[in-house]
Each structure stands twice: as structure tokens, then as C-alpha cells.
Amino acid sequence: MDKPEKEPVILNQSQDSKICLNCGFPNRNTDTHCMYCKTSLIEDSGLFNWVRQTYYILRWRWQLKQKRDSLESKTPIYRTFGFFVLGVILSVVGVFVFTSAMSQDSFSSGLIALLLIGYGVVTLKTLFSNK
């Protein structure tokens, strides 16, 4: 096998940028904070840095919880109406099947009717209960 004419060259011999460990954005070597996410590029150690990072993590988690709670509390009206209709239909069908099962003395139809009534009541109860 022939020897290659040129030696392979590393494309970027001098690293002129730092990669942010938080977001992966390339920054200049002279930068102390990330240009994208404003995270410190200087690796600090010590109690002050630990307290600062803990504060940012707890604040971030609190903001996520607030956002999730606000999204969960805003149930669309069509979804609420749909659950209400579903609960009423299940309950009415359950009552109808139960009355027909009692007139025919059918044990299995009675059990199915009780399940339908139970699902209807649980659907309505969860719709109107407060968290």
C-alpha cells in the first residue's frame, strides 16, 4: 500500500471557542458568560457557586410547577361539556339497563347496569370535585 502524499491535518488545531455545557452554544474563548443562555463559562467551585446553582435549579422547578398548574387549571369548555354528557349518558343507560334487568330477573344485566351507573357517577364526581 502506498503512503499518502500528504499527512492528515486536524481541521481545527487551535480551539478558538468554548462550548457552553448548559446549552451547547459555541462561545469565544474570551467570553465569561454564554451568549445564548447567559450561563457562566468559568468553572467555579465553592459554597457560593453551589448556593447560586441550587437557587437557580429551585427557581426553575418552581416556575415549571407554576406553568403546569396554570395549564391544568384551564380545562377547555368542550372537554368539560363532553365529560358531563358522557357521565349523564352512562348513568341514564345504567338506570335503563338496571330497570330492564330487574323486570327480567337477569343477574348479569344487573351487574353491567351497576357498572354503567358507577362509571357515570365517578365521571360526574371527578368533573365537579375540586383538587
N, C-alpha and C. Protein backbone atom coordinates (compact mmCIF):
# COMPACT_ATOMS: atom_id res chain seq x y z
N MET A 1 0.83 -1.16 0.00
CA MET A 1 0.00 0.00 0.00
C MET A 1 0.89 1.24 0.00
N ASP A 2 0.53 2.19 -0.83
CA ASP A 2 1.33 3.40 -0.95
C ASP A 2 1.08 4.34 0.21
N LYS A 3 2.10 5.07 0.51
CA LYS A 3 2.00 6.07 1.55
C LYS A 3 1.28 7.30 0.99
N PRO A 4 0.35 7.90 1.74
CA PRO A 4 -0.34 9.07 1.20
C PRO A 4 0.64 10.22 0.97
N GLU A 5 0.31 11.04 -0.02
CA GLU A 5 1.19 12.13 -0.37
C GLU A 5 1.25 13.19 0.72
N LYS A 6 0.14 13.43 1.37
CA LYS A 6 0.11 14.45 2.42
C LYS A 6 -0.29 13.80 3.74
N GLU A 7 0.20 14.37 4.79
CA GLU A 7 -0.17 13.91 6.12
C GLU A 7 -1.56 14.44 6.46
N PRO A 8 -2.39 13.64 7.14
CA PRO A 8 -3.70 14.16 7.54
C PRO A 8 -3.52 15.31 8.53
N VAL A 9 -4.33 16.32 8.35
CA VAL A 9 -4.24 17.52 9.19
C VAL A 9 -5.53 17.65 9.97
N ILE A 10 -5.40 17.95 11.24
CA ILE A 10 -6.58 18.22 12.05
C ILE A 10 -7.15 19.55 11.59
N LEU A 11 -8.44 19.58 11.33
CA LEU A 11 -9.05 20.76 10.74
C LEU A 11 -8.97 21.98 11.66
N ASN A 12 -9.22 21.81 12.91
CA ASN A 12 -9.24 22.94 13.82
C ASN A 12 -8.18 22.69 14.89
N GLN A 13 -6.95 23.08 14.59
CA GLN A 13 -5.86 22.79 15.52
C GLN A 13 -5.95 23.65 16.78
N SER A 14 -6.27 24.92 16.63
CA SER A 14 -6.41 25.77 17.80
C SER A 14 -7.89 25.97 18.09
N GLN A 15 -8.24 25.64 19.29
CA GLN A 15 -9.65 25.75 19.65
C GLN A 15 -9.92 27.20 20.03
N ASP A 16 -10.65 27.91 19.17
CA ASP A 16 -10.93 29.32 19.41
C ASP A 16 -12.33 29.55 19.96
N SER A 17 -12.98 28.51 20.45
CA SER A 17 -14.30 28.68 21.03
C SER A 17 -14.49 27.70 22.18
N LYS A 18 -15.35 28.12 23.10
CA LYS A 18 -15.75 27.26 24.23
C LYS A 18 -17.18 26.84 23.99
N ILE A 19 -17.49 25.63 24.30
CA ILE A 19 -18.86 25.12 24.19
C ILE A 19 -19.52 25.25 25.56
N CYS A 20 -20.70 25.86 25.57
CA CYS A 20 -21.45 26.00 26.82
C CYS A 20 -21.94 24.62 27.25
N LEU A 21 -21.71 24.27 28.49
CA LEU A 21 -22.14 22.96 28.99
C LEU A 21 -23.63 22.92 29.25
N ASN A 22 -24.27 24.08 29.33
CA ASN A 22 -25.71 24.13 29.59
C ASN A 22 -26.52 23.96 28.31
N CYS A 23 -26.16 24.71 27.24
CA CYS A 23 -26.98 24.69 26.02
C CYS A 23 -26.23 24.22 24.79
N GLY A 24 -24.90 24.11 24.84
CA GLY A 24 -24.14 23.64 23.69
C GLY A 24 -23.79 24.73 22.69
N PHE A 25 -24.00 25.99 23.02
CA PHE A 25 -23.72 27.10 22.11
C PHE A 25 -22.22 27.39 22.10
N PRO A 26 -21.62 27.56 20.91
CA PRO A 26 -20.19 27.89 20.86
C PRO A 26 -19.97 29.36 21.21
N ASN A 27 -19.02 29.61 22.10
CA ASN A 27 -18.70 30.97 22.53
C ASN A 27 -17.21 31.23 22.31
N ARG A 28 -16.84 32.50 22.29
CA ARG A 28 -15.42 32.86 22.16
C ARG A 28 -14.68 32.46 23.43
N ASN A 29 -13.37 32.30 23.31
CA ASN A 29 -12.57 31.96 24.49
C ASN A 29 -12.55 33.07 25.51
N THR A 30 -12.75 34.30 25.07
CA THR A 30 -12.70 35.44 25.99
C THR A 30 -14.01 35.65 26.73
N ASP A 31 -15.07 35.00 26.33
CA ASP A 31 -16.37 35.18 26.98
C ASP A 31 -16.38 34.52 28.36
N THR A 32 -17.03 35.20 29.29
CA THR A 32 -17.17 34.62 30.63
C THR A 32 -18.57 34.05 30.83
N HIS A 33 -19.53 34.51 30.02
CA HIS A 33 -20.90 34.00 30.09
C HIS A 33 -21.34 33.60 28.69
N CYS A 34 -22.21 32.61 28.63
CA CYS A 34 -22.72 32.13 27.35
C CYS A 34 -23.54 33.23 26.69
N MET A 35 -23.33 33.42 25.39
CA MET A 35 -24.07 34.46 24.67
C MET A 35 -25.53 34.07 24.48
N TYR A 36 -25.86 32.78 24.57
CA TYR A 36 -27.22 32.33 24.33
C TYR A 36 -28.03 32.22 25.62
N CYS A 37 -27.49 31.49 26.60
CA CYS A 37 -28.28 31.23 27.81
C CYS A 37 -27.76 31.96 29.04
N LYS A 38 -26.70 32.75 28.90
CA LYS A 38 -26.13 33.59 29.97
C LYS A 38 -25.59 32.78 31.15
N THR A 39 -25.26 31.51 30.92
CA THR A 39 -24.67 30.69 31.97
C THR A 39 -23.19 31.01 32.07
N SER A 40 -22.64 30.94 33.26
CA SER A 40 -21.22 31.22 33.44
C SER A 40 -20.39 30.13 32.78
N LEU A 41 -19.37 30.55 32.02
CA LEU A 41 -18.48 29.59 31.38
C LEU A 41 -17.25 29.31 32.23
N ILE A 42 -17.09 30.07 33.30
CA ILE A 42 -15.96 29.87 34.21
C ILE A 42 -16.39 28.84 35.24
N GLU A 43 -15.60 27.82 35.38
CA GLU A 43 -15.96 26.77 36.33
C GLU A 43 -15.56 27.22 37.73
N ASP A 44 -16.55 27.53 38.52
CA ASP A 44 -16.32 27.95 39.89
C ASP A 44 -16.53 26.76 40.80
N SER A 45 -15.89 26.82 41.92
CA SER A 45 -16.15 25.81 42.94
C SER A 45 -16.26 26.54 44.26
N GLY A 46 -16.90 25.93 45.17
CA GLY A 46 -17.05 26.55 46.47
C GLY A 46 -18.50 26.66 46.87
N LEU A 47 -18.69 27.14 48.06
CA LEU A 47 -20.03 27.21 48.64
C LEU A 47 -20.90 28.23 47.93
N PHE A 48 -20.35 29.39 47.57
CA PHE A 48 -21.15 30.42 46.92
C PHE A 48 -21.70 29.94 45.58
N ASN A 49 -20.87 29.28 44.79
CA ASN A 49 -21.32 28.76 43.50
C ASN A 49 -22.38 27.67 43.70
N TRP A 50 -22.21 26.83 44.69
CA TRP A 50 -23.18 25.78 44.96
C TRP A 50 -24.53 26.37 45.36
N VAL A 51 -24.52 27.40 46.20
CA VAL A 51 -25.76 28.05 46.63
C VAL A 51 -26.43 28.72 45.43
N ARG A 52 -25.65 29.38 44.57
CA ARG A 52 -26.21 30.04 43.39
C ARG A 52 -26.85 29.03 42.45
N GLN A 53 -26.17 27.93 42.17
CA GLN A 53 -26.72 26.90 41.29
C GLN A 53 -27.97 26.27 41.89
N THR A 54 -27.97 26.03 43.19
CA THR A 54 -29.14 25.46 43.86
C THR A 54 -30.33 26.41 43.76
N TYR A 55 -30.07 27.71 43.93
CA TYR A 55 -31.14 28.70 43.81
C TYR A 55 -31.73 28.68 42.41
N TYR A 56 -30.88 28.65 41.37
CA TYR A 56 -31.39 28.65 40.00
C TYR A 56 -32.19 27.38 39.69
N ILE A 57 -31.75 26.25 40.20
CA ILE A 57 -32.46 24.99 39.96
C ILE A 57 -33.82 25.02 40.66
N LEU A 58 -33.86 25.47 41.91
CA LEU A 58 -35.13 25.52 42.63
C LEU A 58 -36.09 26.53 42.00
N ARG A 59 -35.55 27.67 41.55
CA ARG A 59 -36.40 28.66 40.89
C ARG A 59 -36.96 28.09 39.59
N TRP A 60 -36.15 27.38 38.82
CA TRP A 60 -36.58 26.77 37.57
C TRP A 60 -37.67 25.74 37.82
N ARG A 61 -37.49 24.91 38.85
CA ARG A 61 -38.51 23.90 39.16
C ARG A 61 -39.81 24.54 39.62
N TRP A 62 -39.72 25.64 40.40
CA TRP A 62 -40.92 26.34 40.84
C TRP A 62 -41.66 26.95 39.65
N GLN A 63 -40.92 27.52 38.69
CA GLN A 63 -41.55 28.09 37.50
C GLN A 63 -42.22 27.01 36.67
N LEU A 64 -41.59 25.85 36.54
CA LEU A 64 -42.21 24.74 35.82
C LEU A 64 -43.50 24.29 36.49
N LYS A 65 -43.48 24.22 37.83
CA LYS A 65 -44.68 23.81 38.56
C LYS A 65 -45.80 24.82 38.38
N GLN A 66 -45.47 26.11 38.42
CA GLN A 66 -46.48 27.15 38.22
C GLN A 66 -47.07 27.06 36.82
N LYS A 67 -46.24 26.81 35.82
CA LYS A 67 -46.72 26.71 34.45
C LYS A 67 -47.61 25.49 34.28
N ARG A 68 -47.21 24.35 34.87
CA ARG A 68 -48.00 23.13 34.78
C ARG A 68 -49.35 23.30 35.48
N ASP A 69 -49.34 23.93 36.65
CA ASP A 69 -50.59 24.15 37.37
C ASP A 69 -51.52 25.08 36.60
N SER A 70 -50.97 26.10 35.95
CA SER A 70 -51.83 27.00 35.18
C SER A 70 -52.40 26.30 33.95
N LEU A 71 -51.64 25.39 33.36
CA LEU A 71 -52.15 24.65 32.21
C LEU A 71 -53.22 23.65 32.61
N GLU A 72 -53.05 23.01 33.78
CA GLU A 72 -54.02 22.03 34.24
C GLU A 72 -55.32 22.68 34.70
N SER A 73 -55.25 23.90 35.21
CA SER A 73 -56.46 24.54 35.72
C SER A 73 -57.35 25.06 34.60
N LYS A 74 -56.80 25.25 33.42
CA LYS A 74 -57.57 25.78 32.31
C LYS A 74 -58.08 24.63 31.44
N THR A 75 -59.13 23.96 31.91
CA THR A 75 -59.74 22.89 31.14
C THR A 75 -60.67 23.51 30.11
N PRO A 76 -60.52 23.14 28.85
CA PRO A 76 -61.40 23.72 27.82
C PRO A 76 -62.86 23.37 28.07
N ILE A 77 -63.76 24.25 27.66
CA ILE A 77 -65.19 24.09 27.91
C ILE A 77 -65.75 22.88 27.17
N TYR A 78 -65.22 22.61 25.97
CA TYR A 78 -65.73 21.46 25.22
C TYR A 78 -65.37 20.15 25.91
N ARG A 79 -64.22 20.10 26.58
CA ARG A 79 -63.84 18.89 27.30
C ARG A 79 -64.72 18.71 28.52
N THR A 80 -64.98 19.79 29.24
CA THR A 80 -65.86 19.71 30.40
C THR A 80 -67.26 19.29 29.99
N PHE A 81 -67.77 19.89 28.93
CA PHE A 81 -69.09 19.53 28.43
C PHE A 81 -69.13 18.07 27.97
N GLY A 82 -68.07 17.60 27.32
CA GLY A 82 -68.01 16.21 26.87
C GLY A 82 -68.03 15.23 28.02
N PHE A 83 -67.26 15.52 29.10
CA PHE A 83 -67.28 14.64 30.27
C PHE A 83 -68.65 14.66 30.95
N PHE A 84 -69.28 15.82 30.99
CA PHE A 84 -70.61 15.91 31.59
C PHE A 84 -71.61 15.06 30.81
N VAL A 85 -71.60 15.19 29.49
CA VAL A 85 -72.52 14.41 28.65
C VAL A 85 -72.23 12.92 28.80
N LEU A 86 -70.95 12.55 28.83
CA LEU A 86 -70.58 11.14 28.99
C LEU A 86 -71.09 10.59 30.32
N GLY A 87 -70.91 11.34 31.40
CA GLY A 87 -71.37 10.89 32.71
C GLY A 87 -72.88 10.74 32.76
N VAL A 88 -73.60 11.69 32.18
CA VAL A 88 -75.07 11.61 32.18
C VAL A 88 -75.54 10.44 31.34
N ILE A 89 -74.95 10.24 30.17
CA ILE A 89 -75.35 9.13 29.29
C ILE A 89 -75.09 7.79 29.96
N LEU A 90 -73.91 7.63 30.56
CA LEU A 90 -73.60 6.37 31.24
C LEU A 90 -74.59 6.11 32.38
N SER A 91 -74.88 7.14 33.14
CA SER A 91 -75.82 6.96 34.26
C SER A 91 -77.22 6.62 33.77
N VAL A 92 -77.72 7.32 32.75
CA VAL A 92 -79.07 7.07 32.24
C VAL A 92 -79.17 5.68 31.63
N VAL A 93 -78.16 5.29 30.85
CA VAL A 93 -78.16 3.95 30.25
C VAL A 93 -78.09 2.89 31.35
N GLY A 94 -77.28 3.16 32.39
CA GLY A 94 -77.19 2.22 33.51
C GLY A 94 -78.52 2.05 34.22
N VAL A 95 -79.23 3.14 34.44
CA VAL A 95 -80.54 3.06 35.10
C VAL A 95 -81.53 2.31 34.21
N PHE A 96 -81.50 2.58 32.91
CA PHE A 96 -82.41 1.90 31.99
C PHE A 96 -82.13 0.39 31.97
N VAL A 97 -80.85 0.01 31.87
CA VAL A 97 -80.49 -1.41 31.85
C VAL A 97 -80.83 -2.06 33.19
N PHE A 98 -80.66 -1.33 34.28
CA PHE A 98 -80.97 -1.89 35.59
C PHE A 98 -82.47 -2.15 35.74
N THR A 99 -83.30 -1.22 35.29
CA THR A 99 -84.75 -1.44 35.40
C THR A 99 -85.20 -2.59 34.51
N SER A 100 -84.61 -2.72 33.31
CA SER A 100 -84.97 -3.85 32.45
C SER A 100 -84.45 -5.16 33.02
N ALA A 101 -83.28 -5.13 33.67
CA ALA A 101 -82.74 -6.35 34.28
C ALA A 101 -83.59 -6.78 35.47
N MET A 102 -84.12 -5.83 36.23
CA MET A 102 -84.98 -6.17 37.37
C MET A 102 -86.30 -6.77 36.89
N SER A 103 -86.82 -6.29 35.79
CA SER A 103 -88.09 -6.84 35.29
C SER A 103 -87.88 -8.22 34.68
N GLN A 104 -86.68 -8.50 34.15
CA GLN A 104 -86.41 -9.80 33.54
C GLN A 104 -85.71 -10.76 34.50
N ASP A 105 -85.40 -10.33 35.70
CA ASP A 105 -84.65 -11.12 36.69
C ASP A 105 -83.31 -11.61 36.11
N SER A 106 -82.57 -10.72 35.49
CA SER A 106 -81.27 -11.06 34.89
C SER A 106 -80.16 -10.50 35.78
N PHE A 107 -79.40 -11.42 36.38
CA PHE A 107 -78.33 -11.03 37.29
C PHE A 107 -77.18 -10.37 36.54
N SER A 108 -76.77 -10.93 35.40
CA SER A 108 -75.62 -10.38 34.65
C SER A 108 -75.94 -8.99 34.09
N SER A 109 -77.14 -8.78 33.62
CA SER A 109 -77.53 -7.45 33.13
C SER A 109 -77.57 -6.46 34.29
N GLY A 110 -77.96 -6.91 35.45
CA GLY A 110 -77.96 -6.04 36.63
C GLY A 110 -76.55 -5.60 37.01
N LEU A 111 -75.58 -6.54 36.93
CA LEU A 111 -74.19 -6.19 37.23
C LEU A 111 -73.64 -5.19 36.21
N ILE A 112 -73.94 -5.42 34.94
CA ILE A 112 -73.50 -4.49 33.90
C ILE A 112 -74.12 -3.11 34.12
N ALA A 113 -75.39 -3.09 34.50
CA ALA A 113 -76.06 -1.82 34.76
C ALA A 113 -75.43 -1.09 35.94
N LEU A 114 -75.07 -1.83 37.00
CA LEU A 114 -74.42 -1.19 38.14
C LEU A 114 -73.05 -0.64 37.76
N LEU A 115 -72.32 -1.35 36.89
CA LEU A 115 -71.04 -0.82 36.42
C LEU A 115 -71.23 0.46 35.61
N LEU A 116 -72.23 0.48 34.74
CA LEU A 116 -72.50 1.69 33.96
C LEU A 116 -72.88 2.86 34.86
N ILE A 117 -73.72 2.60 35.84
CA ILE A 117 -74.10 3.66 36.78
C ILE A 117 -72.87 4.13 37.55
N GLY A 118 -72.05 3.20 37.99
CA GLY A 118 -70.82 3.56 38.72
C GLY A 118 -69.88 4.41 37.90
N TYR A 119 -69.64 4.02 36.63
CA TYR A 119 -68.78 4.82 35.75
C TYR A 119 -69.37 6.21 35.52
N GLY A 120 -70.67 6.29 35.36
CA GLY A 120 -71.30 7.59 35.16
C GLY A 120 -71.16 8.49 36.37
N VAL A 121 -71.39 7.92 37.56
CA VAL A 121 -71.29 8.70 38.79
C VAL A 121 -69.84 9.14 39.04
N VAL A 122 -68.88 8.25 38.80
CA VAL A 122 -67.48 8.60 39.00
C VAL A 122 -67.05 9.70 38.02
N THR A 123 -67.51 9.62 36.78
CA THR A 123 -67.19 10.65 35.80
C THR A 123 -67.75 12.00 36.23
N LEU A 124 -68.99 12.03 36.68
CA LEU A 124 -69.58 13.28 37.14
C LEU A 124 -68.92 13.80 38.42
N LYS A 125 -68.56 12.88 39.32
CA LYS A 125 -67.93 13.27 40.57
C LYS A 125 -66.57 13.89 40.33
N THR A 126 -65.74 13.30 39.46
CA THR A 126 -64.43 13.87 39.17
C THR A 126 -64.55 15.18 38.41
N LEU A 127 -65.61 15.35 37.66
CA LEU A 127 -65.82 16.61 36.94
C LEU A 127 -66.12 17.75 37.91
N PHE A 128 -66.91 17.49 38.94
CA PHE A 128 -67.33 18.56 39.84
C PHE A 128 -66.50 18.64 41.11
N SER A 129 -65.57 17.73 41.33
CA SER A 129 -64.77 17.79 42.54
C SER A 129 -63.64 18.80 42.36
N ASN A 130 -63.24 19.43 43.45
CA ASN A 130 -62.13 20.39 43.43
C ASN A 130 -60.85 19.67 43.80
N LYS A 131 -59.75 20.11 43.21
CA LYS A 131 -58.45 19.49 43.52
C LYS A 131 -57.90 20.06 44.78
